[in-house]
C-alpha atoms as a PDB file:
ATOM      1  CA  UNK A   1     -13.765  14.003 -11.724  1.00  0.00           C
ATOM      2  CA  UNK A   2     -12.215  11.918  -9.113  1.00  0.00           C
ATOM      3  CA  UNK A   3      -9.068  12.849  -8.283  1.00  0.00           C
ATOM      4  CA  UNK A   4      -6.834  10.550  -6.391  1.00  0.00           C
ATOM      5  CA  UNK A   5      -5.357  11.759  -3.210  1.00  0.00           C
ATOM      6  CA  UNK A   6      -1.707  11.124  -2.173  1.00  0.00           C
ATOM      7  CA  UNK A   7      -0.964   9.389  -5.582  1.00  0.00           C
ATOM      8  CA  UNK A   8       2.628  10.024  -5.473  1.00  0.00           C
ATOM      9  CA  UNK A   9       3.258   9.503  -2.066  1.00  0.00           C
ATOM     10  CA  UNK A  10       1.331   6.308  -1.581  1.00  0.00           C
ATOM     11  CA  UNK A  11       2.805   4.202  -4.503  1.00  0.00           C
ATOM     12  CA  UNK A  12       6.264   5.817  -3.576  1.00  0.00           C
ATOM     13  CA  UNK A  13       5.602   4.222  -0.169  1.00  0.00           C
ATOM     14  CA  UNK A  14       4.436   1.068  -1.895  1.00  0.00           C
ATOM     15  CA  UNK A  15       6.734  -0.341  -4.163  1.00  0.00           C
ATOM     16  CA  UNK A  16      10.059  -1.635  -3.355  1.00  0.00           C
ATOM     17  CA  UNK A  17      10.662  -4.303  -5.768  1.00  0.00           C
ATOM     18  CA  UNK A  18       9.555  -3.498  -9.609  1.00  0.00           C
ATOM     19  CA  UNK A  19       9.073  -7.064 -10.352  1.00  0.00           C
ATOM     20  CA  UNK A  20       6.819  -8.134  -7.516  1.00  0.00           C
ATOM     21  CA  UNK A  21       3.176  -8.719  -6.682  1.00  0.00           C
ATOM     22  CA  UNK A  22       0.998  -5.802  -5.732  1.00  0.00           C
ATOM     23  CA  UNK A  23      -2.714  -5.270  -4.456  1.00  0.00           C
ATOM     24  CA  UNK A  24      -4.734  -2.249  -5.103  1.00  0.00           C
ATOM     25  CA  UNK A  25      -7.376  -3.635  -2.758  1.00  0.00           C
ATOM     26  CA  UNK A  26      -9.870  -0.212  -3.216  1.00  0.00           C
ATOM     27  CA  UNK A  27      -9.846  -0.016  -7.199  1.00  0.00           C
ATOM     28  CA  UNK A  28     -12.016   3.102  -7.413  1.00  0.00           C
ATOM     29  CA  UNK A  29     -11.332   4.793 -10.688  1.00  0.00           C
ATOM     30  CA  UNK A  30      -7.923   3.521 -11.170  1.00  0.00           C
ATOM     31  CA  UNK A  31      -5.838   6.337 -10.343  1.00  0.00           C
ATOM     32  CA  UNK A  32      -3.474   4.432  -8.157  1.00  0.00           C
ATOM     33  CA  UNK A  33      -3.656   1.516 -10.554  1.00  0.00           C
ATOM     34  CA  UNK A  34      -2.309   3.397 -13.218  1.00  0.00           C
ATOM     35  CA  UNK A  35       0.703   5.023 -11.326  1.00  0.00           C
ATOM     36  CA  UNK A  36       1.669   1.363  -9.640  1.00  0.00           C
ATOM     37  CA  UNK A  37       1.780  -0.107 -13.420  1.00  0.00           C
ATOM     38  CA  UNK A  38       3.722   2.909 -14.697  1.00  0.00           C
ATOM     39  CA  UNK A  39       6.357   1.929 -12.357  1.00  0.00           C
ATOM     40  CA  UNK A  40       6.622  -2.013 -12.513  1.00  0.00           C
ATOM     41  CA  UNK A  41       8.250  -4.170 -14.525  1.00  0.00           C
ATOM     42  CA  UNK A  42       7.042  -6.550 -17.271  1.00  0.00           C
ATOM     43  CA  UNK A  43       6.782  -9.407 -15.166  1.00  0.00           C
ATOM     44  CA  UNK A  44       5.256  -7.931 -12.028  1.00  0.00           C
ATOM     45  CA  UNK A  45       1.446  -8.404 -11.079  1.00  0.00           C
ATOM     46  CA  UNK A  46      -0.953  -6.121 -10.005  1.00  0.00           C
ATOM     47  CA  UNK A  47      -4.313  -7.447  -8.252  1.00  0.00           C
ATOM     48  CA  UNK A  48      -7.061  -4.961  -8.092  1.00  0.00           C
ATOM     49  CA  UNK A  49     -10.266  -5.256  -6.215  1.00  0.00           C
ATOM     50  CA  UNK A  50     -13.433  -3.550  -5.852  1.00  0.00           C
ATOM     51  CA  UNK A  51     -17.116  -4.247  -4.846  1.00  0.00           C
ATOM     52  CA  UNK A  52     -18.516  -1.085  -6.745  1.00  0.00           C
ATOM     53  CA  UNK A  53     -19.915  -2.458 -10.072  1.00  0.00           C
ATOM     54  CA  UNK A  54     -18.742   0.845 -12.147  1.00  0.00           C
ATOM     55  CA  UNK A  55     -15.412   0.674 -10.662  1.00  0.00           C
ATOM     56  CA  UNK A  56     -14.874  -2.784 -11.758  1.00  0.00           C
ATOM     57  CA  UNK A  57     -15.917  -1.564 -15.482  1.00  0.00           C
ATOM     58  CA  UNK A  58     -13.223   0.676 -15.347  1.00  0.00           C
ATOM     59  CA  UNK A  59     -10.764  -1.768 -14.285  1.00  0.00           C
ATOM     60  CA  UNK A  60     -11.831  -4.595 -16.768  1.00  0.00           C
ATOM     61  CA  UNK A  61     -11.012  -1.557 -19.652  1.00  0.00           C
ATOM     62  CA  UNK A  62      -7.880  -1.258 -18.325  1.00  0.00           C
ATOM     63  CA  UNK A  63      -6.951  -4.822 -17.729  1.00  0.00           C
ATOM     64  CA  UNK A  64      -7.806  -5.681 -21.640  1.00  0.00           C
ATOM     65  CA  UNK A  65      -4.179  -4.254 -22.987  1.00  0.00           C
ATOM     66  CA  UNK A  66      -2.596  -4.817 -19.483  1.00  0.00           C
ATOM     67  CA  UNK A  67      -1.238  -8.432 -19.035  1.00  0.00           C
ATOM     68  CA  UNK A  68       0.048  -7.951 -15.576  1.00  0.00           C
ATOM     69  CA  UNK A  69      -3.599  -6.751 -14.164  1.00  0.00           C
ATOM     70  CA  UNK A  70      -6.092  -9.419 -12.547  1.00  0.00           C
ATOM     71  CA  UNK A  71      -9.222  -7.649 -11.558  1.00  0.00           C
ATOM     72  CA  UNK A  72     -11.744  -9.193  -8.706  1.00  0.00           C
ATOM     73  CA  UNK A  73     -15.147  -8.307  -7.685  1.00  0.00           C
ATOM     74  CA  UNK A  74     -15.538  -8.243  -3.841  1.00  0.00           C
ATOM     75  CA  UNK A  75     -14.556  -6.718  -0.556  1.00  0.00           C
ATOM     76  CA  UNK A  76     -11.164  -5.809   0.433  1.00  0.00           C
ATOM     77  CA  UNK A  77     -11.238  -8.189   3.420  1.00  0.00           C
ATOM     78  CA  UNK A  78     -11.456 -10.850   0.842  1.00  0.00           C
ATOM     79  CA  UNK A  79      -7.727 -10.366  -0.293  1.00  0.00           C
ATOM     80  CA  UNK A  80      -6.512 -13.306   1.294  1.00  0.00           C
ATOM     81  CA  UNK A  81      -8.544 -15.233  -0.926  1.00  0.00           C
ATOM     82  CA  UNK A  82      -7.778 -13.371  -4.399  1.00  0.00           C
ATOM     83  CA  UNK A  83      -4.161 -13.374  -4.142  1.00  0.00           C
ATOM     84  CA  UNK A  84      -4.016 -17.158  -2.992  1.00  0.00           C
ATOM     85  CA  UNK A  85      -3.811 -18.305  -6.594  1.00  0.00           C
ATOM     86  CA  UNK A  86      -1.359 -15.276  -8.214  1.00  0.00           C
ATOM     87  CA  UNK A  87       1.577 -15.556  -5.610  1.00  0.00           C
ATOM     88  CA  UNK A  88       4.157 -17.833  -4.143  1.00  0.00           C
ATOM     89  CA  UNK A  89       4.093 -18.566  -0.488  1.00  0.00           C
ATOM     90  CA  UNK A  90       6.473 -15.782   0.569  1.00  0.00           C
ATOM     91  CA  UNK A  91       3.615 -13.414   0.046  1.00  0.00           C
ATOM     92  CA  UNK A  92       2.918  -9.954  -1.819  1.00  0.00           C
ATOM     93  CA  UNK A  93       5.152  -7.091  -1.952  1.00  0.00           C
ATOM     94  CA  UNK A  94       2.874  -4.435  -1.367  1.00  0.00           C
ATOM     95  CA  UNK A  95      -1.092  -3.676  -0.813  1.00  0.00           C
ATOM     96  CA  UNK A  96      -2.446  -0.365  -1.138  1.00  0.00           C
ATOM     97  CA  UNK A  97      -5.764   0.523   0.643  1.00  0.00           C
ATOM     98  CA  UNK A  98      -7.522   3.949  -0.295  1.00  0.00           C
ATOM     99  CA  UNK A  99     -10.354   4.036   2.305  1.00  0.00           C
ATOM    100  CA  UNK A 100     -12.127   7.306   0.524  1.00  0.00           C
ATOM    101  CA  UNK A 101     -15.410   7.395  -0.945  1.00  0.00           C
ATOM    102  CA  UNK A 102     -14.807   8.163  -4.892  1.00  0.00           C
ATOM    103  CA  UNK A 103     -16.200  11.035  -6.429  1.00  0.00           C
ATOM    104  CA  UNK A 104     -18.197   9.478  -8.629  1.00  0.00           C
ATOM    105  CA  UNK A 105     -19.971   7.679  -5.816  1.00  0.00           C
ATOM    106  CA  UNK A 106     -20.306  11.124  -4.109  1.00  0.00           C
ATOM    107  CA  UNK A 107     -21.313  13.034  -7.171  1.00  0.00           C
ATOM    108  CA  UNK A 108     -23.784  10.456  -8.962  1.00  0.00           C
ATOM    109  CA  UNK A 109     -27.361  11.135  -7.253  1.00  0.00           C
ATOM    110  CA  UNK A 110     -28.538   7.629  -7.973  1.00  0.00           C
ATOM    111  CA  UNK A 111     -25.937   6.123  -5.206  1.00  0.00           C
ATOM    112  CA  UNK A 112     -27.433   7.989  -2.360  1.00  0.00           C
ATOM    113  CA  UNK A 113     -23.851   8.758  -0.726  1.00  0.00           C
ATOM    114  CA  UNK A 114     -25.008  12.548  -1.177  1.00  0.00           C
ATOM    115  CA  UNK A 115     -27.106  14.867   0.878  1.00  0.00           C
ATOM    116  CA  UNK A 116     -26.684  17.542  -1.639  1.00  0.00           C
ATOM    117  CA  UNK A 117     -28.590  15.843  -4.753  1.00  0.00           C
ATOM    118  CA  UNK A 118     -31.829  14.084  -4.685  1.00  0.00           C
ATOM    119  CA  UNK A 119     -31.681  10.316  -5.330  1.00  0.00           C
ATOM    120  CA  UNK A 120     -32.331   6.860  -3.709  1.00  0.00           C
ATOM    121  CA  UNK A 121     -31.367   6.313  -0.064  1.00  0.00           C
ATOM    122  CA  UNK A 122     -29.078   3.571  -0.802  1.00  0.00           C
ATOM    123  CA  UNK A 123     -25.641   4.059  -0.283  1.00  0.00           C
ATOM    124  CA  UNK A 124     -24.393   0.621  -0.695  1.00  0.00           C
ATOM    125  CA  UNK A 125     -21.040   0.131  -2.229  1.00  0.00           C
ATOM    126  CA  UNK A 126     -22.021  -2.972  -3.832  1.00  0.00           C
ATOM    127  CA  UNK A 127     -25.547  -2.561  -5.131  1.00  0.00           C
ATOM    128  CA  UNK A 128     -25.830  -6.418  -5.940  1.00  0.00           C
ATOM    129  CA  UNK A 129     -26.274  -7.335  -2.137  1.00  0.00           C
ATOM    130  CA  UNK A 130     -26.982  -6.219   1.073  1.00  0.00           C
ATOM    131  CA  UNK A 131     -29.579  -3.930   2.824  1.00  0.00           C
ATOM    132  CA  UNK A 132     -29.921  -0.557   1.333  1.00  0.00           C
ATOM    133  CA  UNK A 133     -29.729   2.428   3.919  1.00  0.00           C
ATOM    134  CA  UNK A 134     -33.442   3.203   3.325  1.00  0.00           C
ATOM    135  CA  UNK A 135     -34.393  -0.481   4.256  1.00  0.00           C
ATOM    136  CA  UNK A 136     -32.280  -0.215   7.270  1.00  0.00           C
ATOM    137  CA  UNK A 137     -33.525   3.269   8.591  1.00  0.00           C
ATOM    138  CA  UNK A 138     -37.264   1.612   8.061  1.00  0.00           C
ATOM    139  CA  UNK A 139     -36.732  -1.235  10.546  1.00  0.00           C
ATOM    140  CA  UNK A 140     -34.085   0.027  12.822  1.00  0.00           C
ATOM    141  CA  UNK A 141     -34.781   1.020  16.705  1.00  0.00           C
ATOM    142  CA  UNK A 142     -34.434   4.538  18.085  1.00  0.00           C
ATOM    143  CA  UNK A 143     -31.606   2.992  20.204  1.00  0.00           C
ATOM    144  CA  UNK A 144     -29.754   1.660  17.005  1.00  0.00           C
ATOM    145  CA  UNK A 145     -29.929   4.605  15.034  1.00  0.00           C
ATOM    146  CA  UNK A 146     -28.818   6.326  17.908  1.00  0.00           C
ATOM    147  CA  UNK A 147     -25.787   4.151  18.634  1.00  0.00           C
ATOM    148  CA  UNK A 148     -24.398   4.254  14.825  1.00  0.00           C
ATOM    149  CA  UNK A 149     -25.045   8.226  14.424  1.00  0.00           C
ATOM    150  CA  UNK A 150     -22.971   8.679  17.774  1.00  0.00           C
ATOM    151  CA  UNK A 151     -19.986   5.526  17.051  1.00  0.00           C
ATOM    152  CA  UNK A 152     -19.489   6.273  13.236  1.00  0.00           C
ATOM    153  CA  UNK A 153     -20.628   9.685  12.826  1.00  0.00           C
ATOM    154  CA  UNK A 154     -19.487  11.048  16.111  1.00  0.00           C
ATOM    155  CA  UNK A 155     -22.832  12.827  16.049  1.00  0.00           C
ATOM    156  CA  UNK A 156     -23.632  14.847  19.316  1.00  0.00           C
ATOM    157  CA  UNK A 157     -27.508  15.017  18.306  1.00  0.00           C
ATOM    158  CA  UNK A 158     -27.401  11.533  17.601  1.00  0.00           C
ATOM    159  CA  UNK A 159     -30.516  10.460  20.182  1.00  0.00           C
ATOM    160  CA  UNK A 160     -32.754  13.492  18.776  1.00  0.00           C
ATOM    161  CA  UNK A 161     -31.900  12.896  14.747  1.00  0.00           C
ATOM    162  CA  UNK A 162     -32.702   9.025  15.857  1.00  0.00           C
ATOM    163  CA  UNK A 163     -36.217   9.595  17.331  1.00  0.00           C
ATOM    164  CA  UNK A 164     -36.874  12.035  14.368  1.00  0.00           C
ATOM    165  CA  UNK A 165     -36.129   9.414  11.742  1.00  0.00           C
ATOM    166  CA  UNK A 166     -38.764   7.243  13.859  1.00  0.00           C
ATOM    167  CA  UNK A 167     -41.596   9.569  14.424  1.00  0.00           C
ATOM    168  CA  UNK A 168     -41.287  10.580  10.598  1.00  0.00           C
ATOM    169  CA  UNK A 169     -41.237   7.364   9.026  1.00  0.00           C
ATOM    170  CA  UNK A 170     -44.372   6.225  10.962  1.00  0.00           C
ATOM    171  CA  UNK A 171     -46.268   8.662   8.452  1.00  0.00           C
ATOM    172  CA  UNK A 172     -43.997   8.555   6.088  1.00  0.00           C
ATOM    173  CA  UNK A 173     -40.891   5.860   5.026  1.00  0.00           C
ATOM    174  CA  UNK A 174     -37.379   8.113   4.224  1.00  0.00           C
ATOM    175  CA  UNK A 175     -36.543   6.910   0.653  1.00  0.00           C
ATOM    176  CA  UNK A 176     -34.501   9.810  -0.865  1.00  0.00           C
ATOM    177  CA  UNK A 177     -31.605  11.487  -0.026  1.00  0.00           C
ATOM    178  CA  UNK A 178     -32.873  15.110   0.273  1.00  0.00           C
ATOM    179  CA  UNK A 179     -36.027  13.599   2.843  1.00  0.00           C
ATOM    180  CA  UNK A 180     -33.117  12.598   5.110  1.00  0.00           C
ATOM    181  CA  UNK A 181     -30.905  15.210   4.544  1.00  0.00           C
ATOM    182  CA  UNK A 182     -33.882  17.966   5.211  1.00  0.00           C
ATOM    183  CA  UNK A 183     -35.235  15.888   8.320  1.00  0.00           C
ATOM    184  CA  UNK A 184     -31.329  16.205   9.859  1.00  0.00           C
ATOM    185  CA  UNK A 185     -31.300  19.757   9.165  1.00  0.00           C
ATOM    186  CA  UNK A 186     -34.970  20.718  10.871  1.00  0.00           C
ATOM    187  CA  UNK A 187     -33.835  18.481  13.894  1.00  0.00           C
ATOM    188  CA  UNK A 188     -30.450  19.723  14.631  1.00  0.00           C
ATOM    189  CA  UNK A 189     -30.717  22.991  16.976  1.00  0.00           C
ATOM    190  CA  UNK A 190     -27.222  23.934  16.333  1.00  0.00           C
ATOM    191  CA  UNK A 191     -25.585  24.287  12.829  1.00  0.00           C
ATOM    192  CA  UNK A 192     -21.717  24.343  11.801  1.00  0.00           C
ATOM    193  CA  UNK A 193     -21.429  27.219   9.482  1.00  0.00           C
ATOM    194  CA  UNK A 194     -18.565  25.158   7.459  1.00  0.00           C
ATOM    195  CA  UNK A 195     -20.450  21.901   7.765  1.00  0.00           C
ATOM    196  CA  UNK A 196     -23.896  20.777   6.318  1.00  0.00           C
ATOM    197  CA  UNK A 197     -25.661  19.496   9.410  1.00  0.00           C
ATOM    198  CA  UNK A 198     -26.207  16.006   7.703  1.00  0.00           C
ATOM    199  CA  UNK A 199     -22.591  15.311   7.156  1.00  0.00           C
ATOM    200  CA  UNK A 200     -22.027  13.343  10.209  1.00  0.00           C
ATOM    201  CA  UNK A 201     -25.110  11.327   9.907  1.00  0.00           C
ATOM    202  CA  UNK A 202     -24.762  10.345   6.172  1.00  0.00           C
ATOM    203  CA  UNK A 203     -21.490   9.227   6.825  1.00  0.00           C
ATOM    204  CA  UNK A 204     -22.348   7.122   9.822  1.00  0.00           C
ATOM    205  CA  UNK A 205     -25.379   5.502   8.012  1.00  0.00           C
ATOM    206  CA  UNK A 206     -22.664   4.662   4.801  1.00  0.00           C
ATOM    207  CA  UNK A 207     -20.126   3.002   7.183  1.00  0.00           C
ATOM    208  CA  UNK A 208     -22.960   1.010   8.832  1.00  0.00           C
ATOM    209  CA  UNK A 209     -24.740  -0.303   5.690  1.00  0.00           C
ATOM    210  CA  UNK A 210     -21.341  -1.414   4.398  1.00  0.00           C
ATOM    211  CA  UNK A 211     -20.154  -2.809   7.401  1.00  0.00           C
ATOM    212  CA  UNK A 212     -16.667  -0.968   6.720  1.00  0.00           C
ATOM    213  CA  UNK A 213     -15.274  -1.243  10.201  1.00  0.00           C
ATOM    214  CA  UNK A 214     -15.793  -4.447  10.349  1.00  0.00           C
ATOM    215  CA  UNK A 215     -14.369  -5.200   6.735  1.00  0.00           C
ATOM    216  CA  UNK A 216     -11.312  -3.174   7.972  1.00  0.00           C
ATOM    217  CA  UNK A 217     -11.056  -5.180  10.935  1.00  0.00           C
ATOM    218  CA  UNK A 218     -11.053  -8.246   8.770  1.00  0.00           C
ATOM    219  CA  UNK A 219      -8.655  -7.003   6.247  1.00  0.00           C
ATOM    220  CA  UNK A 220      -5.981  -5.875   8.625  1.00  0.00           C
ATOM    221  CA  UNK A 221      -5.552  -9.657   9.362  1.00  0.00           C
ATOM    222  CA  UNK A 222      -5.754 -10.891   5.911  1.00  0.00           C
ATOM    223  CA  UNK A 223      -3.159  -8.287   4.701  1.00  0.00           C
ATOM    224  CA  UNK A 224      -0.515  -9.294   7.413  1.00  0.00           C
ATOM    225  CA  UNK A 225      -1.112 -13.016   6.044  1.00  0.00           C
ATOM    226  CA  UNK A 226      -0.521 -11.949   2.415  1.00  0.00           C
ATOM    227  CA  UNK A 227       2.409  -9.701   2.883  1.00  0.00           C
ATOM    228  CA  UNK A 228       6.044 -10.950   2.363  1.00  0.00           C
ATOM    229  CA  UNK A 229       8.744 -10.064   4.869  1.00  0.00           C
ATOM    230  CA  UNK A 230       9.691  -6.754   3.670  1.00  0.00           C
ATOM    231  CA  UNK A 231       6.588  -5.719   1.716  1.00  0.00           C
ATOM    232  CA  UNK A 232       4.721  -2.909   2.789  1.00  0.00           C
ATOM    233  CA  UNK A 233       1.172  -2.126   3.683  1.00  0.00           C
ATOM    234  CA  UNK A 234       0.226   1.474   2.689  1.00  0.00           C
ATOM    235  CA  UNK A 235      -3.566   2.789   4.099  1.00  0.00           C
ATOM    236  CA  UNK A 236      -5.173   6.098   3.496  1.00  0.00           C
ATOM    237  CA  UNK A 237      -7.910   6.832   5.709  1.00  0.00           C
ATOM    238  CA  UNK A 238     -10.262   9.713   6.178  1.00  0.00           C
ATOM    239  CA  UNK A 239     -11.828   9.765   9.241  1.00  0.00           C
ATOM    240  CA  UNK A 240     -10.496   8.949  12.803  1.00  0.00           C
ATOM    241  CA  UNK A 241     -12.415   5.565  13.385  1.00  0.00           C
ATOM    242  CA  UNK A 242     -10.537   4.250  10.476  1.00  0.00           C
ATOM    243  CA  UNK A 243      -7.166   5.562  11.494  1.00  0.00           C
ATOM    244  CA  UNK A 244      -7.628   4.661  15.039  1.00  0.00           C
ATOM    245  CA  UNK A 245      -8.166   1.127  14.154  1.00  0.00           C
ATOM    246  CA  UNK A 246      -5.115   0.683  11.690  1.00  0.00           C
ATOM    247  CA  UNK A 247      -2.826   2.399  14.464  1.00  0.00           C
ATOM    248  CA  UNK A 248      -4.357   0.114  17.017  1.00  0.00           C
ATOM    249  CA  UNK A 249      -3.653  -3.054  15.261  1.00  0.00           C
ATOM    250  CA  UNK A 250       0.004  -1.787  14.078  1.00  0.00           C
ATOM    251  CA  UNK A 251       0.928  -1.016  17.814  1.00  0.00           C
ATOM    252  CA  UNK A 252       0.017  -4.380  18.655  1.00  0.00           C
ATOM    253  CA  UNK A 253       1.802  -5.987  15.788  1.00  0.00           C
ATOM    254  CA  UNK A 254       4.807  -4.084  16.864  1.00  0.00           C
ATOM    255  CA  UNK A 255       4.748  -4.950  20.747  1.00  0.00           C
ATOM    256  CA  UNK A 256       3.902  -8.779  20.020  1.00  0.00           C
ATOM    257  CA  UNK A 257       2.146 -10.951  22.562  1.00  0.00           C
ATOM    258  CA  UNK A 258       2.999  -9.616  26.280  1.00  0.00           C
ATOM    259  CA  UNK A 259       4.350 -12.209  28.432  1.00  0.00           C
ATOM    260  CA  UNK A 260       3.978 -11.717  32.211  1.00  0.00           C
ATOM    261  CA  UNK A 261       7.096 -11.249  34.142  1.00  0.00           C
ATOM    262  CA  UNK A 262       7.281 -14.156  36.356  1.00  0.00           C
ATOM    263  CA  UNK A 263       7.341 -16.515  33.034  1.00  0.00           C
ATOM    264  CA  UNK A 264      11.472 -17.103  32.463  1.00  0.00           C
ATOM    265  CA  UNK A 265      11.820 -17.275  28.800  1.00  0.00           C
ATOM    266  CA  UNK A 266      15.084 -16.885  26.951  1.00  0.00           C
ATOM    267  CA  UNK A 267      15.423 -14.270  24.632  1.00  0.00           C
ATOM    268  CA  UNK A 268      14.887 -16.380  20.953  1.00  0.00           C
ATOM    269  CA  UNK A 269      11.528 -17.563  22.823  1.00  0.00           C
ATOM    270  CA  UNK A 270      10.451 -14.016  23.027  1.00  0.00           C
ATOM    271  CA  UNK A 271       7.659 -12.769  20.378  1.00  0.00           C
ATOM    272  CA  UNK A 272       8.905 -11.199  17.866  1.00  0.00           C
ATOM    273  CA  UNK A 273       7.352  -7.874  16.321  1.00  0.00           C
ATOM    274  CA  UNK A 274       5.689  -8.604  12.744  1.00  0.00           C
ATOM    275  CA  UNK A 275       5.113  -4.828  11.758  1.00  0.00           C
ATOM    276  CA  UNK A 276       6.717  -1.746  12.089  1.00  0.00           C
ATOM    277  CA  UNK A 277       5.664   1.666  11.117  1.00  0.00           C
ATOM    278  CA  UNK A 278       8.272   3.011   8.686  1.00  0.00           C
ATOM    279  CA  UNK A 279       7.391   6.957   9.163  1.00  0.00           C
ATOM    280  CA  UNK A 280       5.018   9.412  10.885  1.00  0.00           C
ATOM    281  CA  UNK A 281       1.616   9.667   9.137  1.00  0.00           C
ATOM    282  CA  UNK A 282       1.623  11.715   6.099  1.00  0.00           C
ATOM    283  CA  UNK A 283      -0.926  14.090   5.032  1.00  0.00           C
ATOM    284  CA  UNK A 284      -1.988  16.006   1.829  1.00  0.00           C
ATOM    285  CA  UNK A 285       0.382  18.894   1.201  1.00  0.00           C
ATOM    286  CA  UNK A 286      -1.158  22.337   0.914  1.00  0.00           C
ATOM    287  CA  UNK A 287      -0.887  22.493  -2.891  1.00  0.00           C
ATOM    288  CA  UNK A 288      -3.111  19.362  -3.185  1.00  0.00           C
ATOM    289  CA  UNK A 289      -5.448  20.355  -0.877  1.00  0.00           C
ATOM    290  CA  UNK A 290      -6.153  23.599  -2.695  1.00  0.00           C
ATOM    291  CA  UNK A 291      -6.207  21.521  -5.813  1.00  0.00           C
ATOM    292  CA  UNK A 292      -8.434  18.652  -3.916  1.00  0.00           C
ATOM    293  CA  UNK A 293     -10.596  19.820  -1.070  1.00  0.00           C
ATOM    294  CA  UNK A 294     -11.361  16.071  -0.362  1.00  0.00           C
ATOM    295  CA  UNK A 295      -7.894  15.025   0.618  1.00  0.00           C
ATOM    296  CA  UNK A 296      -7.996  17.555   3.663  1.00  0.00           C
ATOM    297  CA  UNK A 297      -9.018  14.603   6.029  1.00  0.00           C
ATOM    298  CA  UNK A 298      -6.801  12.126   4.428  1.00  0.00           C
ATOM    299  CA  UNK A 299      -3.904  10.492   6.323  1.00  0.00           C
ATOM    300  CA  UNK A 300      -1.791   7.906   5.231  1.00  0.00           C
ATOM    301  CA  UNK A 301       0.180   5.176   7.216  1.00  0.00           C
ATOM    302  CA  UNK A 302       3.267   3.306   5.764  1.00  0.00           C
ATOM    303  CA  UNK A 303       4.014  -0.064   7.724  1.00  0.00           C
ATOM    304  CA  UNK A 304       6.465  -2.969   6.765  1.00  0.00           C
ATOM    305  CA  UNK A 305       6.058  -6.378   7.626  1.00  0.00           C
ATOM    306  CA  UNK A 306       9.214  -7.486   9.467  1.00  0.00           C
ATOM    307  CA  UNK A 307       9.045 -11.112  10.177  1.00  0.00           C
END
């Protein structure tokens, strides 16, 4: 069962106009969307986006009796394309992005996300396109695999694991999650007693296969383009790479373009900031973490467009 992380906090921060247009850019199983709809007026709109076909089935069922809701199949980086037919030139009043992997994706072995369950080594969010994890691991070189594990998983034994993968596939291709998890377990020399040794590698491979960091980078620019002045962007991240990218993007938008001191400009010619942080990063409460351990790593940023 999927438990929505930071549900009340996210929606509290998102909605500024009950009759506005909002976007749930990662519908998942609809927890945030249901809460958003419960707080919107009859003339409001909610656009939901997801690339996962199972998530879209849930969204389609919800939309049958919900005229305020529109469902879009695709990645959250396509937000600008999806909202242009639903909004005025002023833009949308709020965008919510929850970057967590949903519990059904982790719990269903056929999806290939979990190192705890035997299943095909897939890991694609959208199973209708792209390369599976098994296909990538079959053809990638040691240097590429090592880079991905180190950059996206912060895996200190990345080189060792990459070499083990390449050596193993020469005799037998890696096709299942348990194959890969066992290989990593046997390869890593030192174990963290609180974390499975395959945790970081599975995270890194999933991020790479789904091009998650590239999609997040494109999303941030696009979200800025669709937000109305005064509109909110709420982003829930689950690891430091995502959060650092969001933090850096907002900091750049707050500072504006740096102008060399020797160039004479007047006050009204100075670049105005486009975004501002509304509060310090928000984390799940102790009570929420106790109910849902997956919320422990969540961090939420609330950003407003100011110009």
